[in-house]
């Protein structure tokens, strides 16, 4: 079986600025809720959580699957006006996305 790495990023859609990255030790979980995808990110510090809430109408969530020896697969989740919640006590940020676009950069940039 192929060893696979995965990363999740939360970025500001307008400026492209990185807000959160699972590479910083954050853990995450994805769950489908009908047509929506709920993304929970755990271990978010209060200042970062509040910053994400401030920019919640302008978020991009990206998931990178990075199989060892295989091409990267990117998933882009469009948040739009769906709920973004942050619980400071538990450090859990929950982002609800309405659509997902999957693409493989190797198919575009050979």
C-alpha atoms as a PDB file:
ATOM      1  CA  UNK A   1       0.000   0.000   0.000  1.00  0.00           C
ATOM      2  CA  UNK A   2       1.238   3.479  -0.841  1.00  0.00           C
ATOM      3  CA  UNK A   3       2.153   5.784   2.003  1.00  0.00           C
ATOM      4  CA  UNK A   4       0.143   8.984   1.734  1.00  0.00           C
ATOM      5  CA  UNK A   5       0.589  12.356   3.346  1.00  0.00           C
ATOM      6  CA  UNK A   6      -2.125  14.936   3.568  1.00  0.00           C
ATOM      7  CA  UNK A   7      -2.233  18.627   4.480  1.00  0.00           C
ATOM      8  CA  UNK A   8      -5.114  21.003   5.137  1.00  0.00           C
ATOM      9  CA  UNK A   9      -4.770  24.779   4.728  1.00  0.00           C
ATOM     10  CA  UNK A  10      -7.154  27.646   5.465  1.00  0.00           C
ATOM     11  CA  UNK A  11      -6.357  30.722   3.385  1.00  0.00           C
ATOM     12  CA  UNK A  12      -7.780  34.186   2.880  1.00  0.00           C
ATOM     13  CA  UNK A  13      -9.337  34.004  -0.593  1.00  0.00           C
ATOM     14  CA  UNK A  14      -8.690  37.646  -1.475  1.00  0.00           C
ATOM     15  CA  UNK A  15      -5.022  37.976  -0.480  1.00  0.00           C
ATOM     16  CA  UNK A  16      -3.987  34.302  -0.525  1.00  0.00           C
ATOM     17  CA  UNK A  17      -2.585  34.724   2.997  1.00  0.00           C
ATOM     18  CA  UNK A  18      -2.210  31.507   4.989  1.00  0.00           C
ATOM     19  CA  UNK A  19      -4.369  31.527   8.117  1.00  0.00           C
ATOM     20  CA  UNK A  20      -4.036  27.926   9.324  1.00  0.00           C
ATOM     21  CA  UNK A  21      -2.055  24.875   8.261  1.00  0.00           C
ATOM     22  CA  UNK A  22      -2.184  21.313   9.542  1.00  0.00           C
ATOM     23  CA  UNK A  23       1.625  21.356   9.149  1.00  0.00           C
ATOM     24  CA  UNK A  24       1.620  23.504  12.324  1.00  0.00           C
ATOM     25  CA  UNK A  25       0.449  20.516  14.354  1.00  0.00           C
ATOM     26  CA  UNK A  26      -3.302  21.044  13.962  1.00  0.00           C
ATOM     27  CA  UNK A  27      -5.511  18.000  13.522  1.00  0.00           C
ATOM     28  CA  UNK A  28      -8.683  17.893  11.451  1.00  0.00           C
ATOM     29  CA  UNK A  29     -11.688  15.821  10.449  1.00  0.00           C
ATOM     30  CA  UNK A  30     -14.033  15.915   7.454  1.00  0.00           C
ATOM     31  CA  UNK A  31     -17.695  14.901   7.626  1.00  0.00           C
ATOM     32  CA  UNK A  32     -20.352  15.110   4.935  1.00  0.00           C
ATOM     33  CA  UNK A  33     -23.712  16.637   5.834  1.00  0.00           C
ATOM     34  CA  UNK A  34     -25.971  16.173   2.806  1.00  0.00           C
ATOM     35  CA  UNK A  35     -24.562  18.455   0.105  1.00  0.00           C
ATOM     36  CA  UNK A  36     -22.289  20.220   2.586  1.00  0.00           C
ATOM     37  CA  UNK A  37     -18.843  19.271   3.868  1.00  0.00           C
ATOM     38  CA  UNK A  38     -18.059  20.060   7.479  1.00  0.00           C
ATOM     39  CA  UNK A  39     -14.359  20.555   8.233  1.00  0.00           C
ATOM     40  CA  UNK A  40     -13.342  20.566  11.896  1.00  0.00           C
ATOM     41  CA  UNK A  41      -9.856  21.785  12.784  1.00  0.00           C
ATOM     42  CA  UNK A  42      -8.608  21.133  16.310  1.00  0.00           C
ATOM     43  CA  UNK A  43      -5.944  22.919  18.344  1.00  0.00           C
ATOM     44  CA  UNK A  44      -6.581  26.386  16.858  1.00  0.00           C
ATOM     45  CA  UNK A  45      -5.196  29.168  19.087  1.00  0.00           C
ATOM     46  CA  UNK A  46      -7.624  31.923  20.098  1.00  0.00           C
ATOM     47  CA  UNK A  47      -5.953  34.668  18.038  1.00  0.00           C
ATOM     48  CA  UNK A  48      -6.020  32.522  14.871  1.00  0.00           C
ATOM     49  CA  UNK A  49      -9.598  31.414  15.501  1.00  0.00           C
ATOM     50  CA  UNK A  50     -10.769  35.009  15.893  1.00  0.00           C
ATOM     51  CA  UNK A  51      -8.875  36.052  12.742  1.00  0.00           C
ATOM     52  CA  UNK A  52     -10.561  33.298  10.725  1.00  0.00           C
ATOM     53  CA  UNK A  53     -13.974  34.376  12.038  1.00  0.00           C
ATOM     54  CA  UNK A  54     -13.248  37.968  11.003  1.00  0.00           C
ATOM     55  CA  UNK A  55     -12.521  36.779   7.447  1.00  0.00           C
ATOM     56  CA  UNK A  56     -15.150  34.023   7.324  1.00  0.00           C
ATOM     57  CA  UNK A  57     -16.865  35.386   4.193  1.00  0.00           C
ATOM     58  CA  UNK A  58     -13.542  35.181   2.299  1.00  0.00           C
ATOM     59  CA  UNK A  59     -12.096  31.754   3.115  1.00  0.00           C
ATOM     60  CA  UNK A  60     -10.638  28.991   1.006  1.00  0.00           C
ATOM     61  CA  UNK A  61     -10.006  25.579   2.513  1.00  0.00           C
ATOM     62  CA  UNK A  62      -7.554  23.378   0.632  1.00  0.00           C
ATOM     63  CA  UNK A  63      -6.689  19.719   1.189  1.00  0.00           C
ATOM     64  CA  UNK A  64      -3.624  18.235  -0.470  1.00  0.00           C
ATOM     65  CA  UNK A  65      -3.296  14.470  -0.809  1.00  0.00           C
ATOM     66  CA  UNK A  66       0.376  13.697  -1.319  1.00  0.00           C
ATOM     67  CA  UNK A  67       0.869  10.005  -2.092  1.00  0.00           C
ATOM     68  CA  UNK A  68       4.465   8.823  -1.937  1.00  0.00           C
ATOM     69  CA  UNK A  69       5.650   8.417  -5.505  1.00  0.00           C
ATOM     70  CA  UNK A  70       2.318   9.572  -6.928  1.00  0.00           C
ATOM     71  CA  UNK A  71       0.809  12.836  -8.118  1.00  0.00           C
ATOM     72  CA  UNK A  72      -0.592  15.376  -5.677  1.00  0.00           C
ATOM     73  CA  UNK A  73      -4.393  15.678  -5.610  1.00  0.00           C
ATOM     74  CA  UNK A  74      -5.788  19.049  -4.474  1.00  0.00           C
ATOM     75  CA  UNK A  75      -9.274  19.585  -3.073  1.00  0.00           C
ATOM     76  CA  UNK A  76     -10.626  23.123  -2.924  1.00  0.00           C
ATOM     77  CA  UNK A  77     -13.632  23.760  -0.661  1.00  0.00           C
ATOM     78  CA  UNK A  78     -15.763  26.827  -1.286  1.00  0.00           C
ATOM     79  CA  UNK A  79     -17.119  28.249   1.969  1.00  0.00           C
ATOM     80  CA  UNK A  80     -19.210  31.176   0.683  1.00  0.00           C
ATOM     81  CA  UNK A  81     -21.818  32.291   3.199  1.00  0.00           C
ATOM     82  CA  UNK A  82     -21.959  28.963   5.035  1.00  0.00           C
ATOM     83  CA  UNK A  83     -21.342  28.835   8.794  1.00  0.00           C
ATOM     84  CA  UNK A  84     -17.879  29.195  10.279  1.00  0.00           C
ATOM     85  CA  UNK A  85     -17.757  28.606  14.030  1.00  0.00           C
ATOM     86  CA  UNK A  86     -14.943  28.760  16.541  1.00  0.00           C
ATOM     87  CA  UNK A  87     -15.096  27.452  20.094  1.00  0.00           C
ATOM     88  CA  UNK A  88     -12.296  29.138  22.015  1.00  0.00           C
ATOM     89  CA  UNK A  89     -12.619  26.799  25.021  1.00  0.00           C
ATOM     90  CA  UNK A  90     -11.919  23.670  22.956  1.00  0.00           C
ATOM     91  CA  UNK A  91      -9.854  25.320  20.194  1.00  0.00           C
ATOM     92  CA  UNK A  92     -12.121  23.795  17.553  1.00  0.00           C
ATOM     93  CA  UNK A  93     -12.818  25.670  14.323  1.00  0.00           C
ATOM     94  CA  UNK A  94     -15.662  24.294  12.208  1.00  0.00           C
ATOM     95  CA  UNK A  95     -15.963  25.407   8.593  1.00  0.00           C
ATOM     96  CA  UNK A  96     -18.945  24.389   6.469  1.00  0.00           C
ATOM     97  CA  UNK A  97     -18.278  24.286   2.727  1.00  0.00           C
ATOM     98  CA  UNK A  98     -20.895  24.040   0.006  1.00  0.00           C
ATOM     99  CA  UNK A  99     -18.809  22.679  -2.828  1.00  0.00           C
ATOM    100  CA  UNK A 100     -15.593  20.825  -3.534  1.00  0.00           C
ATOM    101  CA  UNK A 101     -13.427  20.936  -6.619  1.00  0.00           C
ATOM    102  CA  UNK A 102     -10.821  18.216  -6.992  1.00  0.00           C
ATOM    103  CA  UNK A 103      -7.939  18.594  -9.396  1.00  0.00           C
ATOM    104  CA  UNK A 104      -4.542  17.123 -10.085  1.00  0.00           C
ATOM    105  CA  UNK A 105      -1.940  19.778 -10.866  1.00  0.00           C
ATOM    106  CA  UNK A 106       0.153  17.241 -12.804  1.00  0.00           C
ATOM    107  CA  UNK A 107      -2.651  17.064 -15.380  1.00  0.00           C
ATOM    108  CA  UNK A 108      -2.333  20.802 -16.052  1.00  0.00           C
ATOM    109  CA  UNK A 109       1.337  21.605 -15.616  1.00  0.00           C
ATOM    110  CA  UNK A 110       3.349  18.813 -17.207  1.00  0.00           C
END
